[in-house]
Amino acid sequence: MRIPNCRLSSFVLSAVIGAAALTMMAAPAAAQYVGPGVAATPNVRGILAQPQDDQWVSLKGHLLRKTGKERYVFSDGTGEIQVEIDDKDFPREPVDEKTLVEISGEVDTGLTRPPEIDVDVVRIIRE
């Protein structure tokens, strides 16, 4: 016995299942809130204590000194960490150890050295 519109029904069923699967896969991407409080803002002390390779961080503080080609020591008041900043990523205005800056970049961990930050953005903070 032949069921009428069987091909159409299986096509519609496949389309509905596919749409449902796509919806379920997309749902977690929209979820952001994961608990009762605001996520802790990373700081140098936390990065040094529990470094997560490739973690994106933004920190406010000061570049204390230059230690080599495109290498600096940064402090946010909780500790000091090595940072690597390409010359092209500096703002046009001069920056010294008294200039409050915000750096953004990725934590870079290594087996034989302390973690450091590969900085992509340096922004001067006006007080």
PDB file of N, CA and C in Angstrom:
ATOM      1  N   MET A   1       0.844  -1.167   0.000  1.00  0.00           N
ATOM      2  CA  MET A   1       0.000   0.000   0.000  1.00  0.00           C
ATOM      3  C   MET A   1       0.895   1.237   0.000  1.00  0.00           C
ATOM      4  N   ARG A   2       0.545   2.185  -0.795  1.00  0.00           N
ATOM      5  CA  ARG A   2       1.334   3.399  -0.934  1.00  0.00           C
ATOM      6  C   ARG A   2       0.700   4.533  -0.132  1.00  0.00           C
ATOM      7  N   ILE A   3       1.559   5.242   0.624  1.00  0.00           N
ATOM      8  CA  ILE A   3       1.067   6.375   1.411  1.00  0.00           C
ATOM      9  C   ILE A   3       1.230   7.622   0.561  1.00  0.00           C
ATOM     10  N   PRO A   4       0.158   8.374   0.326  1.00  0.00           N
ATOM     11  CA  PRO A   4       0.253   9.583  -0.496  1.00  0.00           C
ATOM     12  C   PRO A   4       1.130  10.632   0.191  1.00  0.00           C
ATOM     13  N   ASN A   5       1.857  11.354  -0.646  1.00  0.00           N
ATOM     14  CA  ASN A   5       2.728  12.452  -0.192  1.00  0.00           C
ATOM     15  C   ASN A   5       3.796  11.991   0.803  1.00  0.00           C
ATOM     16  N   CYS A   6       4.213  10.750   0.698  1.00  0.00           N
ATOM     17  CA  CYS A   6       5.227  10.219   1.611  1.00  0.00           C
ATOM     18  C   CYS A   6       6.556  10.949   1.434  1.00  0.00           C
ATOM     19  N   ARG A   7       6.921  11.218   0.180  1.00  0.00           N
ATOM     20  CA  ARG A   7       8.171  11.942  -0.056  1.00  0.00           C
ATOM     21  C   ARG A   7       8.110  13.351   0.521  1.00  0.00           C
ATOM     22  N   LEU A   8       6.994  13.994   0.322  1.00  0.00           N
ATOM     23  CA  LEU A   8       6.839  15.344   0.853  1.00  0.00           C
ATOM     24  C   LEU A   8       6.891  15.326   2.376  1.00  0.00           C
ATOM     25  N   SER A   9       6.238  14.343   2.982  1.00  0.00           N
ATOM     26  CA  SER A   9       6.228  14.260   4.444  1.00  0.00           C
ATOM     27  C   SER A   9       7.628  14.041   4.993  1.00  0.00           C
ATOM     28  N   SER A  10       8.421  13.158   4.373  1.00  0.00           N
ATOM     29  CA  SER A  10       9.766  12.944   4.887  1.00  0.00           C
ATOM     30  C   SER A  10      10.643  14.163   4.653  1.00  0.00           C
ATOM     31  N   PHE A  11      10.411  14.896   3.577  1.00  0.00           N
ATOM     32  CA  PHE A  11      11.165  16.125   3.351  1.00  0.00           C
ATOM     33  C   PHE A  11      10.834  17.151   4.430  1.00  0.00           C
ATOM     34  N   VAL A  12       9.544  17.314   4.710  1.00  0.00           N
ATOM     35  CA  VAL A  12       9.118  18.269   5.730  1.00  0.00           C
ATOM     36  C   VAL A  12       9.668  17.854   7.091  1.00  0.00           C
ATOM     37  N   LEU A  13       9.604  16.566   7.404  1.00  0.00           N
ATOM     38  CA  LEU A  13      10.126  16.074   8.671  1.00  0.00           C
ATOM     39  C   LEU A  13      11.629  16.331   8.778  1.00  0.00           C
ATOM     40  N   SER A  14      12.366  16.084   7.702  1.00  0.00           N
ATOM     41  CA  SER A  14      13.808  16.341   7.697  1.00  0.00           C
ATOM     42  C   SER A  14      14.097  17.825   7.900  1.00  0.00           C
ATOM     43  N   ALA A  15      13.323  18.673   7.253  1.00  0.00           N
ATOM     44  CA  ALA A  15      13.522  20.116   7.388  1.00  0.00           C
ATOM     45  C   ALA A  15      13.255  20.577   8.819  1.00  0.00           C
ATOM     46  N   VAL A  16      12.194  20.041   9.431  1.00  0.00           N
ATOM     47  CA  VAL A  16      11.858  20.424  10.806  1.00  0.00           C
ATOM     48  C   VAL A  16      12.951  19.957  11.772  1.00  0.00           C
ATOM     49  N   ILE A  17      13.420  18.727  11.600  1.00  0.00           N
ATOM     50  CA  ILE A  17      14.482  18.209  12.467  1.00  0.00           C
ATOM     51  C   ILE A  17      15.760  19.022  12.281  1.00  0.00           C
ATOM     52  N   GLY A  18      16.103  19.346  11.040  1.00  0.00           N
ATOM     53  CA  GLY A  18      17.294  20.153  10.769  1.00  0.00           C
ATOM     54  C   GLY A  18      17.199  21.531  11.394  1.00  0.00           C
ATOM     55  N   ALA A  19      16.036  22.165  11.282  1.00  0.00           N
ATOM     56  CA  ALA A  19      15.849  23.492  11.870  1.00  0.00           C
ATOM     57  C   ALA A  19      15.947  23.431  13.391  1.00  0.00           C
ATOM     58  N   ALA A  20      15.376  22.384  13.976  1.00  0.00           N
ATOM     59  CA  ALA A  20      15.447  22.231  15.433  1.00  0.00           C
ATOM     60  C   ALA A  20      16.890  22.033  15.884  1.00  0.00           C
ATOM     61  N   ALA A  21      17.637  21.235  15.142  1.00  0.00           N
ATOM     62  CA  ALA A  21      19.042  20.999  15.495  1.00  0.00           C
ATOM     63  C   ALA A  21      19.846  22.292  15.409  1.00  0.00           C
ATOM     64  N   LEU A  22      19.622  23.074  14.352  1.00  0.00           N
ATOM     65  CA  LEU A  22      20.333  24.348  14.218  1.00  0.00           C
ATOM     66  C   LEU A  22      19.980  25.301  15.352  1.00  0.00           C
ATOM     67  N   THR A  23      18.712  25.313  15.738  1.00  0.00           N
ATOM     68  CA  THR A  23      18.282  26.182  16.826  1.00  0.00           C
ATOM     69  C   THR A  23      18.959  25.793  18.135  1.00  0.00           C
ATOM     70  N   MET A  24      19.051  24.494  18.399  1.00  0.00           N
ATOM     71  CA  MET A  24      19.685  24.049  19.642  1.00  0.00           C
ATOM     72  C   MET A  24      21.177  24.336  19.641  1.00  0.00           C
ATOM     73  N   MET A  25      21.829  24.245  18.475  1.00  0.00           N
ATOM     74  CA  MET A  25      23.259  24.535  18.419  1.00  0.00           C
ATOM     75  C   MET A  25      23.518  26.026  18.577  1.00  0.00           C
ATOM     76  N   ALA A  26      22.618  26.863  18.106  1.00  0.00           N
ATOM     77  CA  ALA A  26      22.812  28.308  18.175  1.00  0.00           C
ATOM     78  C   ALA A  26      22.481  28.861  19.558  1.00  0.00           C
ATOM     79  N   ALA A  27      21.633  28.188  20.301  1.00  0.00           N
ATOM     80  CA  ALA A  27      21.190  28.701  21.594  1.00  0.00           C
ATOM     81  C   ALA A  27      22.335  28.957  22.572  1.00  0.00           C
ATOM     82  N   PRO A  28      23.309  28.047  22.743  1.00  0.00           N
ATOM     83  CA  PRO A  28      24.375  28.333  23.711  1.00  0.00           C
ATOM     84  C   PRO A  28      25.209  29.562  23.363  1.00  0.00           C
ATOM     85  N   ALA A  29      25.304  29.914  22.101  1.00  0.00           N
ATOM     86  CA  ALA A  29      26.094  31.078  21.712  1.00  0.00           C
ATOM     87  C   ALA A  29      25.488  32.364  22.252  1.00  0.00           C
ATOM     88  N   ALA A  30      24.176  32.388  22.440  1.00  0.00           N
ATOM     89  CA  ALA A  30      23.518  33.582  22.929  1.00  0.00           C
ATOM     90  C   ALA A  30      23.583  33.686  24.452  1.00  0.00           C
ATOM     91  N   ALA A  31      23.835  32.580  25.136  1.00  0.00           N
ATOM     92  CA  ALA A  31      23.856  32.580  26.592  1.00  0.00           C
ATOM     93  C   ALA A  31      25.117  33.269  27.106  1.00  0.00           C
ATOM     94  N   GLN A  32      24.953  34.248  27.967  1.00  0.00           N
ATOM     95  CA  GLN A  32      26.090  34.974  28.516  1.00  0.00           C
ATOM     96  C   GLN A  32      26.121  34.928  30.036  1.00  0.00           C
ATOM     97  N   TYR A  33      25.003  35.083  30.688  1.00  0.00           N
ATOM     98  CA  TYR A  33      24.959  35.157  32.146  1.00  0.00           C
ATOM     99  C   TYR A  33      25.133  33.758  32.732  1.00  0.00           C
ATOM    100  N   VAL A  34      26.045  33.595  33.682  1.00  0.00           N
ATOM    101  CA  VAL A  34      26.309  32.270  34.232  1.00  0.00           C
ATOM    102  C   VAL A  34      26.226  32.207  35.757  1.00  0.00           C
ATOM    103  N   GLY A  35      25.782  33.226  36.400  1.00  0.00           N
ATOM    104  CA  GLY A  35      25.682  33.157  37.853  1.00  0.00           C
ATOM    105  C   GLY A  35      25.148  34.435  38.445  1.00  0.00           C
ATOM    106  N   PRO A  36      25.068  34.506  39.777  1.00  0.00           N
ATOM    107  CA  PRO A  36      24.437  35.651  40.415  1.00  0.00           C
ATOM    108  C   PRO A  36      25.228  36.946  40.360  1.00  0.00           C
ATOM    109  N   GLY A  37      26.552  36.894  40.236  1.00  0.00           N
ATOM    110  CA  GLY A  37      27.346  38.118  40.261  1.00  0.00           C
ATOM    111  C   GLY A  37      28.035  38.384  38.953  1.00  0.00           C
ATOM    112  N   VAL A  38      28.677  39.511  38.893  1.00  0.00           N
ATOM    113  CA  VAL A  38      29.445  39.891  37.716  1.00  0.00           C
ATOM    114  C   VAL A  38      30.760  39.113  37.725  1.00  0.00           C
ATOM    115  N   ALA A  39      31.216  38.697  36.549  1.00  0.00           N
ATOM    116  CA  ALA A  39      32.484  37.967  36.455  1.00  0.00           C
ATOM    117  C   ALA A  39      33.627  38.838  36.970  1.00  0.00           C
ATOM    118  N   ALA A  40      34.557  38.213  37.643  1.00  0.00           N
ATOM    119  CA  ALA A  40      35.697  38.942  38.192  1.00  0.00           C
ATOM    120  C   ALA A  40      36.563  39.501  37.069  1.00  0.00           C
ATOM    121  N   THR A  41      36.994  40.735  37.240  1.00  0.00           N
ATOM    122  CA  THR A  41      37.890  41.352  36.276  1.00  0.00           C
ATOM    123  C   THR A  41      39.293  40.813  36.513  1.00  0.00           C
ATOM    124  N   PRO A  42      39.966  40.352  35.465  1.00  0.00           N
ATOM    125  CA  PRO A  42      41.309  39.812  35.672  1.00  0.00           C
ATOM    126  C   PRO A  42      42.285  40.894  36.129  1.00  0.00           C
ATOM    127  N   ASN A  43      43.273  40.480  36.913  1.00  0.00           N
ATOM    128  CA  ASN A  43      44.355  41.375  37.300  1.00  0.00           C
ATOM    129  C   ASN A  43      45.667  40.603  37.205  1.00  0.00           C
ATOM    130  N   VAL A  44      46.773  41.313  37.348  1.00  0.00           N
ATOM    131  CA  VAL A  44      48.088  40.690  37.187  1.00  0.00           C
ATOM    132  C   VAL A  44      48.277  39.562  38.198  1.00  0.00           C
ATOM    133  N   ARG A  45      47.894  39.775  39.443  1.00  0.00           N
ATOM    134  CA  ARG A  45      48.060  38.739  40.466  1.00  0.00           C
ATOM    135  C   ARG A  45      47.341  37.447  40.050  1.00  0.00           C
ATOM    136  N   GLY A  46      46.110  37.572  39.589  1.00  0.00           N
ATOM    137  CA  GLY A  46      45.347  36.400  39.165  1.00  0.00           C
ATOM    138  C   GLY A  46      45.943  35.716  37.949  1.00  0.00           C
ATOM    139  N   ILE A  47      46.436  36.509  37.010  1.00  0.00           N
ATOM    140  CA  ILE A  47      47.048  35.937  35.804  1.00  0.00           C
ATOM    141  C   ILE A  47      48.309  35.161  36.166  1.00  0.00           C
ATOM    142  N   LEU A  48      49.122  35.710  37.065  1.00  0.00           N
ATOM    143  CA  LEU A  48      50.345  35.019  37.474  1.00  0.00           C
ATOM    144  C   LEU A  48      50.038  33.754  38.275  1.00  0.00           C
ATOM    145  N   ALA A  49      48.969  33.792  39.091  1.00  0.00           N
ATOM    146  CA  ALA A  49      48.619  32.640  39.928  1.00  0.00           C
ATOM    147  C   ALA A  49      48.008  31.501  39.117  1.00  0.00           C
ATOM    148  N   GLN A  50      47.139  31.840  38.158  1.00  0.00           N
ATOM    149  CA  GLN A  50      46.457  30.822  37.358  1.00  0.00           C
ATOM    150  C   GLN A  50      46.407  31.260  35.900  1.00  0.00           C
ATOM    151  N   PRO A  51      47.537  31.215  35.226  1.00  0.00           N
ATOM    152  CA  PRO A  51      47.550  31.657  33.827  1.00  0.00           C
ATOM    153  C   PRO A  51      46.765  30.706  32.927  1.00  0.00           C
ATOM    154  N   GLN A  52      46.010  31.287  32.008  1.00  0.00           N
ATOM    155  CA  GLN A  52      45.269  30.511  31.013  1.00  0.00           C
ATOM    156  C   GLN A  52      45.754  30.960  29.647  1.00  0.00           C
ATOM    157  N   ASP A  53      46.465  30.080  28.956  1.00  0.00           N
ATOM    158  CA  ASP A  53      47.039  30.423  27.659  1.00  0.00           C
ATOM    159  C   ASP A  53      45.951  30.914  26.710  1.00  0.00           C
ATOM    160  N   ASP A  54      46.238  31.984  26.003  1.00  0.00           N
ATOM    161  CA  ASP A  54      45.346  32.602  25.016  1.00  0.00           C
ATOM    162  C   ASP A  54      44.129  33.289  25.634  1.00  0.00           C
ATOM    163  N   GLN A  55      44.100  33.454  26.956  1.00  0.00           N
ATOM    164  CA  GLN A  55      43.002  34.182  27.587  1.00  0.00           C
ATOM    165  C   GLN A  55      43.105  35.655  27.207  1.00  0.00           C
ATOM    166  N   TRP A  56      42.010  36.245  26.738  1.00  0.00           N
ATOM    167  CA  TRP A  56      41.983  37.665  26.394  1.00  0.00           C
ATOM    168  C   TRP A  56      41.791  38.466  27.669  1.00  0.00           C
ATOM    169  N   VAL A  57      42.651  39.454  27.900  1.00  0.00           N
ATOM    170  CA  VAL A  57      42.555  40.284  29.098  1.00  0.00           C
ATOM    171  C   VAL A  57      42.691  41.752  28.725  1.00  0.00           C
ATOM    172  N   SER A  58      42.066  42.592  29.540  1.00  0.00           N
ATOM    173  CA  SER A  58      42.247  44.045  29.472  1.00  0.00           C
ATOM    174  C   SER A  58      42.579  44.508  30.878  1.00  0.00           C
ATOM    175  N   LEU A  59      43.681  45.227  31.010  1.00  0.00           N
ATOM    176  CA  LEU A  59      44.165  45.662  32.316  1.00  0.00           C
ATOM    177  C   LEU A  59      44.506  47.144  32.288  1.00  0.00           C
ATOM    178  N   LYS A  60      44.230  47.830  33.397  1.00  0.00           N
ATOM    179  CA  LYS A  60      44.617  49.235  33.536  1.00  0.00           C
ATOM    180  C   LYS A  60      45.782  49.324  34.503  1.00  0.00           C
ATOM    181  N   GLY A  61      46.781  50.108  34.126  1.00  0.00           N
ATOM    182  CA  GLY A  61      47.950  50.267  34.982  1.00  0.00           C
ATOM    183  C   GLY A  61      49.022  51.074  34.285  1.00  0.00           C
ATOM    184  N   HIS A  62      50.290  50.747  34.587  1.00  0.00           N
ATOM    185  CA  HIS A  62      51.416  51.517  34.067  1.00  0.00           C
ATOM    186  C   HIS A  62      52.489  50.607  33.487  1.00  0.00           C
ATOM    187  N   LEU A  63      53.118  51.074  32.422  1.00  0.00           N
ATOM    188  CA  LEU A  63      54.310  50.418  31.892  1.00  0.00           C
ATOM    189  C   LEU A  63      55.476  50.970  32.698  1.00  0.00           C
ATOM    190  N   LEU A  64      56.069  50.139  33.539  1.00  0.00           N
ATOM    191  CA  LEU A  64      57.087  50.611  34.484  1.00  0.00           C
ATOM    192  C   LEU A  64      58.442  50.843  33.842  1.00  0.00           C
ATOM    193  N   ARG A  65      58.821  49.934  32.932  1.00  0.00           N
ATOM    194  CA  ARG A  65      60.136  50.069  32.292  1.00  0.00           C
ATOM    195  C   ARG A  65      60.204  49.196  31.051  1.00  0.00           C
ATOM    196  N   LYS A  66      61.130  49.566  30.173  1.00  0.00           N
ATOM    197  CA  LYS A  66      61.406  48.787  28.975  1.00  0.00           C
ATOM    198  C   LYS A  66      62.520  47.801  29.312  1.00  0.00           C
ATOM    199  N   THR A  67      62.350  46.536  28.915  1.00  0.00           N
ATOM    200  CA  THR A  67      63.350  45.512  29.243  1.00  0.00           C
ATOM    201  C   THR A  67      64.043  44.951  28.013  1.00  0.00           C
ATOM    202  N   GLY A  68      63.594  45.336  26.845  1.00  0.00           N
ATOM    203  CA  GLY A  68      64.183  44.835  25.605  1.00  0.00           C
ATOM    204  C   GLY A  68      63.379  45.341  24.423  1.00  0.00           C
ATOM    205  N   LYS A  69      63.715  44.838  23.248  1.00  0.00           N
ATOM    206  CA  LYS A  69      63.004  45.258  22.036  1.00  0.00           C
ATOM    207  C   LYS A  69      61.537  44.837  22.140  1.00  0.00           C
ATOM    208  N   GLU A  70      60.655  45.815  22.208  1.00  0.00           N
ATOM    209  CA  GLU A  70      59.214  45.624  22.286  1.00  0.00           C
ATOM    210  C   GLU A  70      58.791  44.848  23.536  1.00  0.00           C
ATOM    211  N   ARG A  71      59.596  44.886  24.596  1.00  0.00           N
ATOM    212  CA  ARG A  71      59.288  44.177  25.843  1.00  0.00           C
ATOM    213  C   ARG A  71      59.303  45.177  27.000  1.00  0.00           C
ATOM    214  N   TYR A  72      58.295  45.060  27.887  1.00  0.00           N
ATOM    215  CA  TYR A  72      58.107  46.006  28.979  1.00  0.00           C
ATOM    216  C   TYR A  72      57.636  45.261  30.221  1.00  0.00           C
ATOM    217  N   VAL A  73      57.743  45.926  31.367  1.00  0.00           N
ATOM    218  CA  VAL A  73      57.147  45.431  32.604  1.00  0.00           C
ATOM    219  C   VAL A  73      55.914  46.283  32.863  1.00  0.00           C
ATOM    220  N   PHE A  74      54.774  45.624  33.090  1.00  0.00           N
ATOM    221  CA  PHE A  74      53.497  46.291  33.340  1.00  0.00           C
ATOM    222  C   PHE A  74      53.050  45.972  34.761  1.00  0.00           C
ATOM    223  N   SER A  75      52.433  46.960  35.425  1.00  0.00           N
ATOM    224  CA  SER A  75      51.856  46.736  36.750  1.00  0.00           C
ATOM    225  C   SER A  75      50.480  47.384  36.833  1.00  0.00           C
ATOM    226  N   ASP A  76      49.550  46.641  37.439  1.00  0.00           N
ATOM    227  CA  ASP A  76      48.227  47.205  37.709  1.00  0.00           C
ATOM    228  C   ASP A  76      48.034  47.452  39.204  1.00  0.00           C
ATOM    229  N   GLY A  77      49.118  47.345  39.969  1.00  0.00           N
ATOM    230  CA  GLY A  77      49.050  47.538  41.410  1.00  0.00           C
ATOM    231  C   GLY A  77      48.933  46.228  42.176  1.00  0.00           C
ATOM    232  N   THR A  78      48.626  45.118  41.487  1.00  0.00           N
ATOM    233  CA  THR A  78      48.527  43.820  42.166  1.00  0.00           C
ATOM    234  C   THR A  78      49.753  42.953  41.910  1.00  0.00           C
ATOM    235  N   GLY A  79      50.613  43.372  41.001  1.00  0.00           N
ATOM    236  CA  GLY A  79      51.805  42.616  40.650  1.00  0.00           C
ATOM    237  C   GLY A  79      52.414  43.163  39.374  1.00  0.00           C
ATOM    238  N   GLU A  80      53.519  42.558  38.960  1.00  0.00           N
ATOM    239  CA  GLU A  80      54.201  42.972  37.731  1.00  0.00           C
ATOM    240  C   GLU A  80      54.272  41.789  36.774  1.00  0.00           C
ATOM    241  N   ILE A  81      54.127  42.080  35.479  1.00  0.00           N
ATOM    242  CA  ILE A  81      54.157  41.038  34.461  1.00  0.00           C
ATOM    243  C   ILE A  81      54.854  41.569  33.214  1.00  0.00           C
ATOM    244  N   GLN A  82      55.575  40.692  32.536  1.00  0.00           N
ATOM    245  CA  GLN A  82      56.202  41.052  31.255  1.00  0.00           C
ATOM    246  C   GLN A  82      55.110  41.190  30.198  1.00  0.00           C
ATOM    247  N   VAL A  83      55.252  42.202  29.361  1.00  0.00           N
ATOM    248  CA  VAL A  83      54.345  42.361  28.226  1.00  0.00           C
ATOM    249  C   VAL A  83      55.167  42.595  26.970  1.00  0.00           C
ATOM    250  N   GLU A  84      54.632  42.134  25.862  1.00  0.00           N
ATOM    251  CA  GLU A  84      55.258  42.382  24.561  1.00  0.00           C
ATOM    252  C   GLU A  84      54.316  43.271  23.766  1.00  0.00           C
ATOM    253  N   ILE A  85      54.832  44.423  23.345  1.00  0.00           N
ATOM    254  CA  ILE A  85      54.020  45.393  22.609  1.00  0.00           C
ATOM    255  C   ILE A  85      54.766  45.776  21.345  1.00  0.00           C
ATOM    256  N   ASP A  86      54.171  45.480  20.193  1.00  0.00           N
ATOM    257  CA  ASP A  86      54.766  45.901  18.929  1.00  0.00           C
ATOM    258  C   ASP A  86      54.772  47.423  18.869  1.00  0.00           C
ATOM    259  N   ASP A  87      55.826  47.993  18.314  1.00  0.00           N
ATOM    260  CA  ASP A  87      55.927  49.452  18.204  1.00  0.00           C
ATOM    261  C   ASP A  87      54.699  50.052  17.529  1.00  0.00           C
ATOM    262  N   LYS A  88      54.152  49.367  16.543  1.00  0.00           N
ATOM    263  CA  LYS A  88      52.999  49.886  15.795  1.00  0.00           C
ATOM    264  C   LYS A  88      51.720  49.929  16.637  1.00  0.00           C
ATOM    265  N   ASP A  89      51.699  49.223  17.776  1.00  0.00           N
ATOM    266  CA  ASP A  89      50.502  49.177  18.614  1.00  0.00           C
ATOM    267  C   ASP A  89      50.463  50.274  19.676  1.00  0.00           C
ATOM    268  N   PHE A  90      51.531  51.065  19.785  1.00  0.00           N
ATOM    269  CA  PHE A  90      51.539  52.173  20.735  1.00  0.00           C
ATOM    270  C   PHE A  90      50.702  53.329  20.198  1.00  0.00           C
ATOM    271  N   PRO A  91      50.079  54.110  21.113  1.00  0.00           N
ATOM    272  CA  PRO A  91      49.389  55.318  20.654  1.00  0.00           C
ATOM    273  C   PRO A  91      50.404  56.335  20.136  1.00  0.00           C
ATOM    274  N   ARG A  92      49.925  57.346  19.443  1.00  0.00           N
ATOM    275  CA  ARG A  92      50.830  58.363  18.878  1.00  0.00           C
ATOM    276  C   ARG A  92      51.431  59.249  19.952  1.00  0.00           C
ATOM    277  N   GLU A  93      50.749  59.369  21.077  1.00  0.00           N
ATOM    278  CA  GLU A  93      51.256  60.206  22.168  1.00  0.00           C
ATOM    279  C   GLU A  93      52.312  59.441  22.967  1.00  0.00           C
ATOM    280  N   PRO A  94      53.290  60.163  23.535  1.00  0.00           N
ATOM    281  CA  PRO A  94      54.320  59.498  24.340  1.00  0.00           C
ATOM    282  C   PRO A  94      53.723  58.841  25.591  1.00  0.00           C
ATOM    283  N   VAL A  95      54.314  57.727  25.989  1.00  0.00           N
ATOM    284  CA  VAL A  95      53.898  56.995  27.184  1.00  0.00           C
ATOM    285  C   VAL A  95      55.127  56.816  28.061  1.00  0.00           C
ATOM    286  N   ASP A  96      54.985  57.127  29.360  1.00  0.00           N
ATOM    287  CA  ASP A  96      56.073  56.858  30.302  1.00  0.00           C
ATOM    288  C   ASP A  96      55.506  56.111  31.506  1.00  0.00           C
ATOM    289  N   GLU A  97      56.327  55.941  32.555  1.00  0.00           N
ATOM    290  CA  GLU A  97      55.910  55.146  33.714  1.00  0.00           C
ATOM    291  C   GLU A  97      54.791  55.791  34.520  1.00  0.00           C
ATOM    292  N   LYS A  98      54.508  57.073  34.282  1.00  0.00           N
ATOM    293  CA  LYS A  98      53.433  57.766  34.995  1.00  0.00           C
ATOM    294  C   LYS A  98      52.124  57.775  34.216  1.00  0.00           C
ATOM    295  N   THR A  99      52.161  57.363  32.961  1.00  0.00           N
ATOM    296  CA  THR A  99      50.980  57.393  32.102  1.00  0.00           C
ATOM    297  C   THR A  99      50.076  56.203  32.412  1.00  0.00           C
ATOM    298  N   LEU A 100      48.818  56.481  32.771  1.00  0.00           N
ATOM    299  CA  LEU A 100      47.848  55.411  32.997  1.00  0.00           C
ATOM    300  C   LEU A 100      47.379  54.893  31.638  1.00  0.00           C
ATOM    301  N   VAL A 101      47.533  53.586  31.439  1.00  0.00           N
ATOM    302  CA  VAL A 101      47.148  52.980  30.164  1.00  0.00           C
ATOM    303  C   VAL A 101      46.246  51.779  30.409  1.00  0.00           C
ATOM    304  N   GLU A 102      45.518  51.435  29.382  1.00  0.00           N
ATOM    305  CA  GLU A 102      44.783  50.171  29.360  1.00  0.00           C
ATOM    306  C   GLU A 102      45.408  49.330  28.261  1.00  0.00           C
ATOM    307  N   ILE A 103      45.836  48.122  28.622  1.00  0.00           N
ATOM    308  CA  ILE A 103      46.386  47.209  27.627  1.00  0.00           C
ATOM    309  C   ILE A 103      45.396  46.068  27.422  1.00  0.00           C
ATOM    310  N   SER A 104      45.297  45.606  26.191  1.00  0.00           N
ATOM    311  CA  SER A 104      44.439  44.467  25.871  1.00  0.00           C
ATOM    312  C   SER A 104      45.236  43.508  25.013  1.00  0.00           C
ATOM    313  N   GLY A 105      45.154  42.236  25.359  1.00  0.00           N
ATOM    314  CA  GLY A 105      45.881  41.227  24.601  1.00  0.00           C
ATOM    315  C   GLY A 105      45.666  39.845  25.179  1.00  0.00           C
ATOM    316  N   GLU A 106      46.493  38.900  24.733  1.00  0.00           N
ATOM    317  CA  GLU A 106      46.348  37.507  25.137  1.00  0.00           C
ATOM    318  C   GLU A 106      47.461  37.086  26.087  1.00  0.00           C
ATOM    319  N   VAL A 107      47.077  36.302  27.084  1.00  0.00           N
ATOM    320  CA  VAL A 107      48.054  35.713  27.993  1.00  0.00           C
ATOM    321  C   VAL A 107      48.825  34.650  27.213  1.00  0.00           C
ATOM    322  N   ASP A 108      50.131  34.664  27.379  1.00  0.00           N
ATOM    323  CA  ASP A 108      51.001  33.698  26.703  1.00  0.00           C
ATOM    324  C   ASP A 108      51.773  32.948  27.782  1.00  0.00           C
ATOM    325  N   THR A 109      51.541  31.642  27.871  1.00  0.00           N
ATOM    326  CA  THR A 109      52.232  30.843  28.880  1.00  0.00           C
ATOM    327  C   THR A 109      53.328  30.023  28.222  1.00  0.00           C
ATOM    328  N   GLY A 110      54.311  29.665  29.009  1.00  0.00           N
ATOM    329  CA  GLY A 110      55.408  28.827  28.534  1.00  0.00           C
ATOM    330  C   GLY A 110      55.824  27.869  29.633  1.00  0.00           C
ATOM    331  N   LEU A 111      56.457  26.785  29.257  1.00  0.00           N
ATOM    332  CA  LEU A 111      56.867  25.792  30.250  1.00  0.00           C
ATOM    333  C   LEU A 111      58.046  26.257  31.088  1.00  0.00           C
ATOM    334  N   THR A 112      58.923  27.067  30.503  1.00  0.00           N
ATOM    335  CA  THR A 112      60.157  27.433  31.197  1.00  0.00           C
ATOM    336  C   THR A 112      60.230  28.905  31.584  1.00  0.00           C
ATOM    337  N   ARG A 113      59.128  29.627  31.462  1.00  0.00           N
ATOM    338  CA  ARG A 113      59.145  31.047  31.803  1.00  0.00           C
ATOM    339  C   ARG A 113      57.801  31.442  32.403  1.00  0.00           C
ATOM    340  N   PRO A 114      57.787  32.529  33.146  1.00  0.00           N
ATOM    341  CA  PRO A 114      56.511  33.003  33.703  1.00  0.00           C
ATOM    342  C   PRO A 114      55.582  33.470  32.579  1.00  0.00           C
ATOM    343  N   PRO A 115      54.283  33.527  32.849  1.00  0.00           N
ATOM    344  CA  PRO A 115      53.354  34.013  31.828  1.00  0.00           C
ATOM    345  C   PRO A 115      53.639  35.472  31.483  1.00  0.00           C
ATOM    346  N   GLU A 116      53.263  35.847  30.275  1.00  0.00           N
ATOM    347  CA  GLU A 116      53.371  37.241  29.842  1.00  0.00           C
ATOM    348  C   GLU A 116      52.141  37.561  29.009  1.00  0.00           C
ATOM    349  N   ILE A 117      52.017  38.808  28.627  1.00  0.00           N
ATOM    350  CA  ILE A 117      50.868  39.233  27.825  1.00  0.00           C
ATOM    351  C   ILE A 117      51.371  39.760  26.495  1.00  0.00           C
ATOM    352  N   ASP A 118      50.805  39.217  25.424  1.00  0.00           N
ATOM    353  CA  ASP A 118      51.089  39.696  24.071  1.00  0.00           C
ATOM    354  C   ASP A 118      50.034  40.757  23.770  1.00  0.00           C
ATOM    355  N   VAL A 119      50.424  42.016  23.883  1.00  0.00           N
ATOM    356  CA  VAL A 119      49.484  43.140  23.816  1.00  0.00           C
ATOM    357  C   VAL A 119      49.181  43.502  22.366  1.00  0.00           C
ATOM    358  N   ASP A 120      47.895  43.692  22.083  1.00  0.00           N
ATOM    359  CA  ASP A 120      47.453  44.127  20.759  1.00  0.00           C
ATOM    360  C   ASP A 120      47.006  45.586  20.748  1.00  0.00           C
ATOM    361  N   VAL A 121      46.543  46.086  21.911  1.00  0.00           N
ATOM    362  CA  VAL A 121      46.013  47.455  21.982  1.00  0.00           C
ATOM    363  C   VAL A 121      46.556  48.139  23.233  1.00  0.00           C
ATOM    364  N   VAL A 122      47.061  49.362  23.064  1.00  0.00           N
ATOM    365  CA  VAL A 122      47.469  50.213  24.188  1.00  0.00           C
ATOM    366  C   VAL A 122      46.664  51.501  24.066  1.00  0.00           C
ATOM    367  N   ARG A 123      45.936  51.826  25.133  1.00  0.00           N
ATOM    368  CA  ARG A 123      45.107  53.026  25.112  1.00  0.00           C
ATOM    369  C   ARG A 123      45.438  53.867  26.336  1.00  0.00           C
ATOM    370  N   ILE A 124      45.670  55.157  26.128  1.00  0.00           N
ATOM    371  CA  ILE A 124      45.938  56.077  27.238  1.00  0.00           C
ATOM    372  C   ILE A 124      44.612  56.402  27.921  1.00  0.00           C
ATOM    373  N   ILE A 125      44.606  56.305  29.255  1.00  0.00           N
ATOM    374  CA  ILE A 125      43.410  56.607  30.042  1.00  0.00           C
ATOM    375  C   ILE A 125      43.539  58.025  30.581  1.00  0.00           C
ATOM    376  N   ARG A 126      42.584  58.854  30.260  1.00  0.00           N
ATOM    377  CA  ARG A 126      42.558  60.241  30.746  1.00  0.00           C
ATOM    378  C   ARG A 126      41.799  60.273  32.064  1.00  0.00           C
ATOM    379  N   GLU A 127      42.391  60.900  33.056  1.00  0.00           N
ATOM    380  CA  GLU A 127      41.725  60.978  34.368  1.00  0.00           C
ATOM    381  C   GLU A 127      41.006  62.277  34.532  1.00  0.00           C
TER     382      GLU A 127
END
